[in-house]
Amino acid sequence: MMITAIVLISADRKAIPTLGEALAAIEGVSEVYSVTGQIDFIAMVRAREHDELADIVTGRIGQVPGVMRTDTHVAFKMYSRHDLESLFSIGAERG
């Protein structure tokens, strides 16, 4: 089972142009989004255990020059359009 975490990242303004690629290069980071609002980036992190997640967030993401602050949210359950469509299509083929 994989643990998925959403990491909200505040960055030093000077680092923003290059920080996204540096974050995306970290092992365990599956995607990085530059976003509008009070934070600068959202990183999707996947790990096999909580110790590995802690290492990725504090030992890797938190140590990248230009990262000012992180706010990590561990996901409990994932919902997707694909899952919902397949759920609602059960029995729809019978008519």
PDB file of N, CA and C in Angstrom:
ATOM      1  N   MET A   1       0.841  -1.181   0.000  1.00  0.00           N
ATOM      2  CA  MET A   1       0.000   0.000   0.000  1.00  0.00           C
ATOM      3  C   MET A   1       0.889   1.249   0.000  1.00  0.00           C
ATOM      4  N   MET A   2       0.552   2.188  -0.833  1.00  0.00           N
ATOM      5  CA  MET A   2       1.308   3.441  -0.908  1.00  0.00           C
ATOM      6  C   MET A   2       0.608   4.522  -0.098  1.00  0.00           C
ATOM      7  N   ILE A   3       1.410   5.347   0.539  1.00  0.00           N
ATOM      8  CA  ILE A   3       0.907   6.524   1.236  1.00  0.00           C
ATOM      9  C   ILE A   3       1.036   7.692   0.266  1.00  0.00           C
ATOM     10  N   THR A   4      -0.043   8.433   0.111  1.00  0.00           N
ATOM     11  CA  THR A   4      -0.014   9.618  -0.746  1.00  0.00           C
ATOM     12  C   THR A   4      -0.136  10.841   0.135  1.00  0.00           C
ATOM     13  N   ALA A   5       0.699  11.833  -0.129  1.00  0.00           N
ATOM     14  CA  ALA A   5       0.635  13.090   0.616  1.00  0.00           C
ATOM     15  C   ALA A   5       0.639  14.248  -0.367  1.00  0.00           C
ATOM     16  N   ILE A   6      -0.087  15.280  -0.001  1.00  0.00           N
ATOM     17  CA  ILE A   6      -0.121  16.527  -0.752  1.00  0.00           C
ATOM     18  C   ILE A   6       0.701  17.509   0.060  1.00  0.00           C
ATOM     19  N   VAL A   7       1.763  18.042  -0.533  1.00  0.00           N
ATOM     20  CA  VAL A   7       2.659  18.941   0.178  1.00  0.00           C
ATOM     21  C   VAL A   7       2.513  20.341  -0.414  1.00  0.00           C
ATOM     22  N   LEU A   8       2.050  21.275   0.402  1.00  0.00           N
ATOM     23  CA  LEU A   8       1.921  22.668  -0.002  1.00  0.00           C
ATOM     24  C   LEU A   8       3.242  23.350   0.319  1.00  0.00           C
ATOM     25  N   ILE A   9       3.806  24.048  -0.659  1.00  0.00           N
ATOM     26  CA  ILE A   9       5.160  24.594  -0.520  1.00  0.00           C
ATOM     27  C   ILE A   9       5.154  26.094  -0.752  1.00  0.00           C
ATOM     28  N   SER A  10       5.692  26.817   0.221  1.00  0.00           N
ATOM     29  CA  SER A  10       5.921  28.258   0.073  1.00  0.00           C
ATOM     30  C   SER A  10       7.383  28.441  -0.262  1.00  0.00           C
ATOM     31  N   ALA A  11       7.652  29.324  -1.240  1.00  0.00           N
ATOM     32  CA  ALA A  11       9.010  29.469  -1.748  1.00  0.00           C
ATOM     33  C   ALA A  11       9.495  30.902  -1.667  1.00  0.00           C
ATOM     34  N   ASP A  12      10.809  31.034  -1.635  1.00  0.00           N
ATOM     35  CA  ASP A  12      11.456  32.328  -1.791  1.00  0.00           C
ATOM     36  C   ASP A  12      11.177  32.775  -3.226  1.00  0.00           C
ATOM     37  N   ARG A  13      10.721  33.991  -3.396  1.00  0.00           N
ATOM     38  CA  ARG A  13      10.347  34.507  -4.723  1.00  0.00           C
ATOM     39  C   ARG A  13      11.461  34.340  -5.759  1.00  0.00           C
ATOM     40  N   LYS A  14      12.690  34.498  -5.355  1.00  0.00           N
ATOM     41  CA  LYS A  14      13.819  34.387  -6.285  1.00  0.00           C
ATOM     42  C   LYS A  14      13.999  32.961  -6.806  1.00  0.00           C
ATOM     43  N   ALA A  15      13.531  31.978  -6.028  1.00  0.00           N
ATOM     44  CA  ALA A  15      13.720  30.575  -6.397  1.00  0.00           C
ATOM     45  C   ALA A  15      12.602  30.028  -7.277  1.00  0.00           C
ATOM     46  N   ILE A  16      11.492  30.727  -7.350  1.00  0.00           N
ATOM     47  CA  ILE A  16      10.314  30.199  -8.048  1.00  0.00           C
ATOM     48  C   ILE A  16      10.591  29.750  -9.486  1.00  0.00           C
ATOM     49  N   PRO A  17      11.356  30.494 -10.292  1.00  0.00           N
ATOM     50  CA  PRO A  17      11.547  30.063 -11.689  1.00  0.00           C
ATOM     51  C   PRO A  17      12.193  28.683 -11.861  1.00  0.00           C
ATOM     52  N   THR A  18      13.007  28.254 -10.916  1.00  0.00           N
ATOM     53  CA  THR A  18      13.709  26.970 -11.069  1.00  0.00           C
ATOM     54  C   THR A  18      13.295  25.918 -10.044  1.00  0.00           C
ATOM     55  N   LEU A  19      12.526  26.308  -9.060  1.00  0.00           N
ATOM     56  CA  LEU A  19      12.207  25.398  -7.958  1.00  0.00           C
ATOM     57  C   LEU A  19      11.320  24.236  -8.382  1.00  0.00           C
ATOM     58  N   GLY A  20      10.385  24.460  -9.270  1.00  0.00           N
ATOM     59  CA  GLY A  20       9.480  23.388  -9.696  1.00  0.00           C
ATOM     60  C   GLY A  20      10.223  22.188 -10.250  1.00  0.00           C
ATOM     61  N   GLU A  21      11.191  22.447 -11.117  1.00  0.00           N
ATOM     62  CA  GLU A  21      11.962  21.338 -11.695  1.00  0.00           C
ATOM     63  C   GLU A  21      12.818  20.643 -10.647  1.00  0.00           C
ATOM     64  N   ALA A  22      13.371  21.416  -9.712  1.00  0.00           N
ATOM     65  CA  ALA A  22      14.188  20.814  -8.646  1.00  0.00           C
ATOM     66  C   ALA A  22      13.325  19.910  -7.763  1.00  0.00           C
ATOM     67  N   LEU A  23      12.114  20.339  -7.457  1.00  0.00           N
ATOM     68  CA  LEU A  23      11.210  19.528  -6.634  1.00  0.00           C
ATOM     69  C   LEU A  23      10.774  18.267  -7.378  1.00  0.00           C
ATOM     70  N   ALA A  24      10.471  18.398  -8.666  1.00  0.00           N
ATOM     71  CA  ALA A  24      10.017  17.255  -9.463  1.00  0.00           C
ATOM     72  C   ALA A  24      11.105  16.193  -9.614  1.00  0.00           C
ATOM     73  N   ALA A  25      12.372  16.576  -9.472  1.00  0.00           N
ATOM     74  CA  ALA A  25      13.483  15.636  -9.610  1.00  0.00           C
ATOM     75  C   ALA A  25      13.698  14.781  -8.360  1.00  0.00           C
ATOM     76  N   ILE A  26      13.012  15.106  -7.266  1.00  0.00           N
ATOM     77  CA  ILE A  26      13.190  14.370  -6.017  1.00  0.00           C
ATOM     78  C   ILE A  26      12.493  13.017  -6.108  1.00  0.00           C
ATOM     79  N   GLU A  27      13.213  11.970  -5.751  1.00  0.00           N
ATOM     80  CA  GLU A  27      12.623  10.629  -5.743  1.00  0.00           C
ATOM     81  C   GLU A  27      11.488  10.585  -4.724  1.00  0.00           C
ATOM     82  N   GLY A  28      10.345  10.076  -5.142  1.00  0.00           N
ATOM     83  CA  GLY A  28       9.159  10.028  -4.280  1.00  0.00           C
ATOM     84  C   GLY A  28       8.156  11.118  -4.609  1.00  0.00           C
ATOM     85  N   VAL A  29       8.592  12.142  -5.334  1.00  0.00           N
ATOM     86  CA  VAL A  29       7.687  13.210  -5.771  1.00  0.00           C
ATOM     87  C   VAL A  29       7.178  12.822  -7.150  1.00  0.00           C
ATOM     88  N   SER A  30       5.863  12.619  -7.282  1.00  0.00           N
ATOM     89  CA  SER A  30       5.321  12.177  -8.568  1.00  0.00           C
ATOM     90  C   SER A  30       4.918  13.331  -9.470  1.00  0.00           C
ATOM     91  N   GLU A  31       4.462  14.435  -8.888  1.00  0.00           N
ATOM     92  CA  GLU A  31       4.080  15.605  -9.673  1.00  0.00           C
ATOM     93  C   GLU A  31       4.316  16.853  -8.840  1.00  0.00           C
ATOM     94  N   VAL A  32       4.565  17.956  -9.537  1.00  0.00           N
ATOM     95  CA  VAL A  32       4.680  19.264  -8.885  1.00  0.00           C
ATOM     96  C   VAL A  32       3.870  20.246  -9.722  1.00  0.00           C
ATOM     97  N   TYR A  33       3.047  21.035  -9.059  1.00  0.00           N
ATOM     98  CA  TYR A  33       2.236  22.043  -9.736  1.00  0.00           C
ATOM     99  C   TYR A  33       2.610  23.423  -9.206  1.00  0.00           C
ATOM    100  N   SER A  34       2.822  24.382 -10.094  1.00  0.00           N
ATOM    101  CA  SER A  34       2.927  25.771  -9.650  1.00  0.00           C
ATOM    102  C   SER A  34       1.487  26.276  -9.596  1.00  0.00           C
ATOM    103  N   VAL A  35       1.145  26.991  -8.532  1.00  0.00           N
ATOM    104  CA  VAL A  35      -0.250  27.375  -8.311  1.00  0.00           C
ATOM    105  C   VAL A  35      -0.362  28.841  -7.900  1.00  0.00           C
ATOM    106  N   THR A  36      -1.570  29.347  -8.021  1.00  0.00           N
ATOM    107  CA  THR A  36      -1.851  30.696  -7.547  1.00  0.00           C
ATOM    108  C   THR A  36      -2.323  30.610  -6.100  1.00  0.00           C
ATOM    109  N   GLY A  37      -2.323  31.730  -5.415  1.00  0.00           N
ATOM    110  CA  GLY A  37      -2.807  31.760  -4.042  1.00  0.00           C
ATOM    111  C   GLY A  37      -1.689  31.981  -3.048  1.00  0.00           C
ATOM    112  N   GLN A  38      -1.915  31.569  -1.820  1.00  0.00           N
ATOM    113  CA  GLN A  38      -0.969  31.838  -0.741  1.00  0.00           C
ATOM    114  C   GLN A  38       0.245  30.932  -0.758  1.00  0.00           C
ATOM    115  N   ILE A  39       0.177  29.825  -1.489  1.00  0.00           N
ATOM    116  CA  ILE A  39       1.342  28.945  -1.617  1.00  0.00           C
ATOM    117  C   ILE A  39       1.840  29.010  -3.055  1.00  0.00           C
ATOM    118  N   ASP A  40       3.031  28.498  -3.282  1.00  0.00           N
ATOM    119  CA  ASP A  40       3.641  28.597  -4.604  1.00  0.00           C
ATOM    120  C   ASP A  40       3.627  27.294  -5.398  1.00  0.00           C
ATOM    121  N   PHE A  41       3.752  26.165  -4.703  1.00  0.00           N
ATOM    122  CA  PHE A  41       3.788  24.859  -5.364  1.00  0.00           C
ATOM    123  C   PHE A  41       2.993  23.840  -4.559  1.00  0.00           C
ATOM    124  N   ILE A  42       2.460  22.851  -5.273  1.00  0.00           N
ATOM    125  CA  ILE A  42       1.868  21.669  -4.646  1.00  0.00           C
ATOM    126  C   ILE A  42       2.622  20.468  -5.195  1.00  0.00           C
ATOM    127  N   ALA A  43       3.151  19.651  -4.298  1.00  0.00           N
ATOM    128  CA  ALA A  43       3.855  18.427  -4.701  1.00  0.00           C
ATOM    129  C   ALA A  43       3.047  17.218  -4.250  1.00  0.00           C
ATOM    130  N   MET A  44       2.900  16.266  -5.140  1.00  0.00           N
ATOM    131  CA  MET A  44       2.267  14.999  -4.802  1.00  0.00           C
ATOM    132  C   MET A  44       3.393  14.020  -4.470  1.00  0.00           C
ATOM    133  N   VAL A  45       3.344  13.461  -3.273  1.00  0.00           N
ATOM    134  CA  VAL A  45       4.404  12.575  -2.801  1.00  0.00           C
ATOM    135  C   VAL A  45       3.805  11.203  -2.528  1.00  0.00           C
ATOM    136  N   ARG A  46       4.523  10.169  -2.957  1.00  0.00           N
ATOM    137  CA  ARG A  46       4.083   8.802  -2.695  1.00  0.00           C
ATOM    138  C   ARG A  46       5.224   8.041  -2.028  1.00  0.00           C
ATOM    139  N   ALA A  47       4.887   7.352  -0.930  1.00  0.00           N
ATOM    140  CA  ALA A  47       5.886   6.616  -0.159  1.00  0.00           C
ATOM    141  C   ALA A  47       5.274   5.305   0.339  1.00  0.00           C
ATOM    142  N   ARG A  48       6.137   4.353   0.653  1.00  0.00           N
ATOM    143  CA  ARG A  48       5.651   3.056   1.128  1.00  0.00           C
ATOM    144  C   ARG A  48       5.345   3.046   2.626  1.00  0.00           C
ATOM    145  N   GLU A  49       6.017   3.927   3.378  1.00  0.00           N
ATOM    146  CA  GLU A  49       5.793   3.963   4.828  1.00  0.00           C
ATOM    147  C   GLU A  49       5.984   5.392   5.332  1.00  0.00           C
ATOM    148  N   HIS A  50       5.515   5.646   6.544  1.00  0.00           N
ATOM    149  CA  HIS A  50       5.544   6.999   7.094  1.00  0.00           C
ATOM    150  C   HIS A  50       6.965   7.529   7.285  1.00  0.00           C
ATOM    151  N   ASP A  51       7.914   6.663   7.654  1.00  0.00           N
ATOM    152  CA  ASP A  51       9.303   7.111   7.801  1.00  0.00           C
ATOM    153  C   ASP A  51       9.863   7.601   6.470  1.00  0.00           C
ATOM    154  N   GLU A  52       9.540   6.901   5.399  1.00  0.00           N
ATOM    155  CA  GLU A  52       9.997   7.315   4.069  1.00  0.00           C
ATOM    156  C   GLU A  52       9.350   8.641   3.689  1.00  0.00           C
ATOM    157  N   LEU A  53       8.054   8.801   3.987  1.00  0.00           N
ATOM    158  CA  LEU A  53       7.362  10.061   3.713  1.00  0.00           C
ATOM    159  C   LEU A  53       8.022  11.211   4.472  1.00  0.00           C
ATOM    160  N   ALA A  54       8.330  10.985   5.736  1.00  0.00           N
ATOM    161  CA  ALA A  54       8.985  12.021   6.539  1.00  0.00           C
ATOM    162  C   ALA A  54      10.338  12.397   5.951  1.00  0.00           C
ATOM    163  N   ASP A  55      11.078  11.415   5.467  1.00  0.00           N
ATOM    164  CA  ASP A  55      12.382  11.694   4.858  1.00  0.00           C
ATOM    165  C   ASP A  55      12.228  12.509   3.580  1.00  0.00           C
ATOM    166  N   ILE A  56      11.243  12.159   2.761  1.00  0.00           N
ATOM    167  CA  ILE A  56      11.034  12.888   1.507  1.00  0.00           C
ATOM    168  C   ILE A  56      10.666  14.343   1.795  1.00  0.00           C
ATOM    169  N   VAL A  57       9.751  14.554   2.741  1.00  0.00           N
ATOM    170  CA  VAL A  57       9.274  15.912   3.003  1.00  0.00           C
ATOM    171  C   VAL A  57      10.309  16.746   3.749  1.00  0.00           C
ATOM    172  N   THR A  58      10.825  16.237   4.852  1.00  0.00           N
ATOM    173  CA  THR A  58      11.741  17.055   5.651  1.00  0.00           C
ATOM    174  C   THR A  58      13.191  16.948   5.194  1.00  0.00           C
ATOM    175  N   GLY A  59      13.601  15.755   4.763  1.00  0.00           N
ATOM    176  CA  GLY A  59      14.990  15.551   4.393  1.00  0.00           C
ATOM    177  C   GLY A  59      15.324  15.943   2.969  1.00  0.00           C
ATOM    178  N   ARG A  60      14.330  15.934   2.102  1.00  0.00           N
ATOM    179  CA  ARG A  60      14.606  16.263   0.694  1.00  0.00           C
ATOM    180  C   ARG A  60      13.917  17.562   0.281  1.00  0.00           C
ATOM    181  N   ILE A  61      12.574  17.586   0.299  1.00  0.00           N
ATOM    182  CA  ILE A  61      11.849  18.794  -0.127  1.00  0.00           C
ATOM    183  C   ILE A  61      12.244  19.986   0.734  1.00  0.00           C
ATOM    184  N   GLY A  62      12.234  19.803   2.042  1.00  0.00           N
ATOM    185  CA  GLY A  62      12.530  20.900   2.956  1.00  0.00           C
ATOM    186  C   GLY A  62      13.945  21.435   2.872  1.00  0.00           C
ATOM    187  N   GLN A  63      14.853  20.656   2.283  1.00  0.00           N
ATOM    188  CA  GLN A  63      16.251  21.067   2.175  1.00  0.00           C
ATOM    189  C   GLN A  63      16.602  21.702   0.829  1.00  0.00           C
ATOM    190  N   VAL A  64      15.653  21.723  -0.099  1.00  0.00           N
ATOM    191  CA  VAL A  64      15.929  22.335  -1.409  1.00  0.00           C
ATOM    192  C   VAL A  64      16.048  23.849  -1.209  1.00  0.00           C
ATOM    193  N   PRO A  65      17.125  24.449  -1.693  1.00  0.00           N
ATOM    194  CA  PRO A  65      17.271  25.901  -1.557  1.00  0.00           C
ATOM    195  C   PRO A  65      16.089  26.632  -2.176  1.00  0.00           C
ATOM    196  N   GLY A  66      15.514  27.548  -1.416  1.00  0.00           N
ATOM    197  CA  GLY A  66      14.364  28.305  -1.885  1.00  0.00           C
ATOM    198  C   GLY A  66      13.052  27.864  -1.265  1.00  0.00           C
ATOM    199  N   VAL A  67      13.019  26.642  -0.673  1.00  0.00           N
ATOM    200  CA  VAL A  67      11.812  26.194   0.026  1.00  0.00           C
ATOM    201  C   VAL A  67      11.786  26.884   1.381  1.00  0.00           C
ATOM    202  N   MET A  68      10.757  27.674   1.621  1.00  0.00           N
ATOM    203  CA  MET A  68      10.641  28.418   2.878  1.00  0.00           C
ATOM    204  C   MET A  68       9.831  27.644   3.920  1.00  0.00           C
ATOM    205  N   ARG A  69       8.759  26.979   3.459  1.00  0.00           N
ATOM    206  CA  ARG A  69       7.864  26.291   4.396  1.00  0.00           C
ATOM    207  C   ARG A  69       7.089  25.209   3.648  1.00  0.00           C
ATOM    208  N   THR A  70       6.777  24.113   4.344  1.00  0.00           N
ATOM    209  CA  THR A  70       5.928  23.066   3.775  1.00  0.00           C
ATOM    210  C   THR A  70       4.758  22.811   4.719  1.00  0.00           C
ATOM    211  N   ASP A  71       3.668  22.360   4.157  1.00  0.00           N
ATOM    212  CA  ASP A  71       2.470  21.989   4.912  1.00  0.00           C
ATOM    213  C   ASP A  71       1.982  20.695   4.281  1.00  0.00           C
ATOM    214  N   THR A  72       2.099  19.579   5.016  1.00  0.00           N
ATOM    215  CA  THR A  72       1.851  18.257   4.454  1.00  0.00           C
ATOM    216  C   THR A  72       0.498  17.713   4.886  1.00  0.00           C
ATOM    217  N   HIS A  73      -0.227  17.175   3.911  1.00  0.00           N
ATOM    218  CA  HIS A  73      -1.545  16.577   4.152  1.00  0.00           C
ATOM    219  C   HIS A  73      -1.521  15.144   3.632  1.00  0.00           C
ATOM    220  N   VAL A  74      -1.683  14.172   4.537  1.00  0.00           N
ATOM    221  CA  VAL A  74      -1.680  12.763   4.145  1.00  0.00           C
ATOM    222  C   VAL A  74      -3.097  12.383   3.712  1.00  0.00           C
ATOM    223  N   ALA A  75      -3.199  11.755   2.553  1.00  0.00           N
ATOM    224  CA  ALA A  75      -4.499  11.359   2.007  1.00  0.00           C
ATOM    225  C   ALA A  75      -4.975  10.059   2.648  1.00  0.00           C
ATOM    226  N   PHE A  76      -6.269  10.010   2.954  1.00  0.00           N
ATOM    227  CA  PHE A  76      -6.887   8.788   3.474  1.00  0.00           C
ATOM    228  C   PHE A  76      -7.433   7.925   2.342  1.00  0.00           C
ATOM    229  N   LYS A  77      -8.140   8.560   1.407  1.00  0.00           N
ATOM    230  CA  LYS A  77      -8.794   7.833   0.326  1.00  0.00           C
ATOM    231  C   LYS A  77      -8.789   8.708  -0.911  1.00  0.00           C
ATOM    232  N   MET A  78      -8.676   8.082  -2.072  1.00  0.00           N
ATOM    233  CA  MET A  78      -8.652   8.807  -3.331  1.00  0.00           C
ATOM    234  C   MET A  78      -9.928   8.521  -4.100  1.00  0.00           C
ATOM    235  N   TYR A  79     -10.506   9.566  -4.636  1.00  0.00           N
ATOM    236  CA  TYR A  79     -11.681   9.462  -5.482  1.00  0.00           C
ATOM    237  C   TYR A  79     -11.295  10.024  -6.848  1.00  0.00           C
ATOM    238  N   SER A  80     -11.754   9.391  -7.897  1.00  0.00           N
ATOM    239  CA  SER A  80     -11.452   9.920  -9.222  1.00  0.00           C
ATOM    240  C   SER A  80     -12.685   9.813 -10.104  1.00  0.00           C
ATOM    241  N   ARG A  81     -12.701  10.584 -11.146  1.00  0.00           N
ATOM    242  CA  ARG A  81     -13.818  10.545 -12.092  1.00  0.00           C
ATOM    243  C   ARG A  81     -13.946   9.141 -12.665  1.00  0.00           C
ATOM    244  N   HIS A  82     -12.825   8.498 -12.976  1.00  0.00           N
ATOM    245  CA  HIS A  82     -12.852   7.155 -13.533  1.00  0.00           C
ATOM    246  C   HIS A  82     -13.538   6.189 -12.572  1.00  0.00           C
ATOM    247  N   ASP A  83     -13.191   6.249 -11.279  1.00  0.00           N
ATOM    248  CA  ASP A  83     -13.806   5.367 -10.285  1.00  0.00           C
ATOM    249  C   ASP A  83     -15.304   5.606 -10.206  1.00  0.00           C
ATOM    250  N   LEU A  84     -15.710   6.868 -10.198  1.00  0.00           N
ATOM    251  CA  LEU A  84     -17.134   7.198 -10.098  1.00  0.00           C
ATOM    252  C   LEU A  84     -17.892   6.755 -11.337  1.00  0.00           C
ATOM    253  N   GLU A  85     -17.311   6.959 -12.518  1.00  0.00           N
ATOM    254  CA  GLU A  85     -17.975   6.541 -13.750  1.00  0.00           C
ATOM    255  C   GLU A  85     -18.161   5.033 -13.787  1.00  0.00           C
ATOM    256  N   SER A  86     -17.150   4.277 -13.367  1.00  0.00           N
ATOM    257  CA  SER A  86     -17.285   2.822 -13.389  1.00  0.00           C
ATOM    258  C   SER A  86     -18.296   2.355 -12.351  1.00  0.00           C
ATOM    259  N   LEU A  87     -18.368   3.034 -11.215  1.00  0.00           N
ATOM    260  CA  LEU A  87     -19.331   2.677 -10.184  1.00  0.00           C
ATOM    261  C   LEU A  87     -20.752   2.899 -10.688  1.00  0.00           C
ATOM    262  N   PHE A  88     -20.996   4.045 -11.323  1.00  0.00           N
ATOM    263  CA  PHE A  88     -22.344   4.359 -11.775  1.00  0.00           C
ATOM    264  C   PHE A  88     -22.725   3.618 -13.047  1.00  0.00           C
ATOM    265  N   SER A  89     -21.758   3.054 -13.762  1.00  0.00           N
ATOM    266  CA  SER A  89     -22.090   2.327 -14.977  1.00  0.00           C
ATOM    267  C   SER A  89     -22.436   0.870 -14.700  1.00  0.00           C
ATOM    268  N   ILE A  90     -22.230   0.427 -13.468  1.00  0.00           N
ATOM    269  CA  ILE A  90     -22.578  -0.960 -13.122  1.00  0.00           C
ATOM    270  C   ILE A  90     -24.090  -1.111 -13.262  1.00  0.00           C
ATOM    271  N   GLY A  91     -24.484  -2.048 -14.045  1.00  0.00           N
ATOM    272  CA  GLY A  91     -25.907  -2.286 -14.247  1.00  0.00           C
ATOM    273  C   GLY A  91     -26.525  -1.427 -15.323  1.00  0.00           C
ATOM    274  N   ALA A  92     -25.827  -0.414 -15.779  1.00  0.00           N
ATOM    275  CA  ALA A  92     -26.380   0.467 -16.810  1.00  0.00           C
ATOM    276  C   ALA A  92     -26.459  -0.236 -18.163  1.00  0.00           C
ATOM    277  N   GLU A  93     -25.616  -1.258 -18.327  1.00  0.00           N
ATOM    278  CA  GLU A  93     -25.607  -1.962 -19.605  1.00  0.00           C
ATOM    279  C   GLU A  93     -26.793  -2.901 -19.730  1.00  0.00           C
ATOM    280  N   ARG A  94     -27.391  -3.228 -18.605  1.00  0.00           N
ATOM    281  CA  ARG A  94     -28.574  -4.089 -18.644  1.00  0.00           C
ATOM    282  C   ARG A  94     -29.772  -3.192 -18.931  1.00  0.00           C
ATOM    283  N   GLY A  95     -30.574  -3.569 -19.768  1.00  0.00           N
ATOM    284  CA  GLY A  95     -31.684  -2.691 -20.060  1.00  0.00           C
ATOM    285  C   GLY A  95     -32.872  -3.416 -20.313  1.00  0.00           C
TER     286      GLY A  95
END
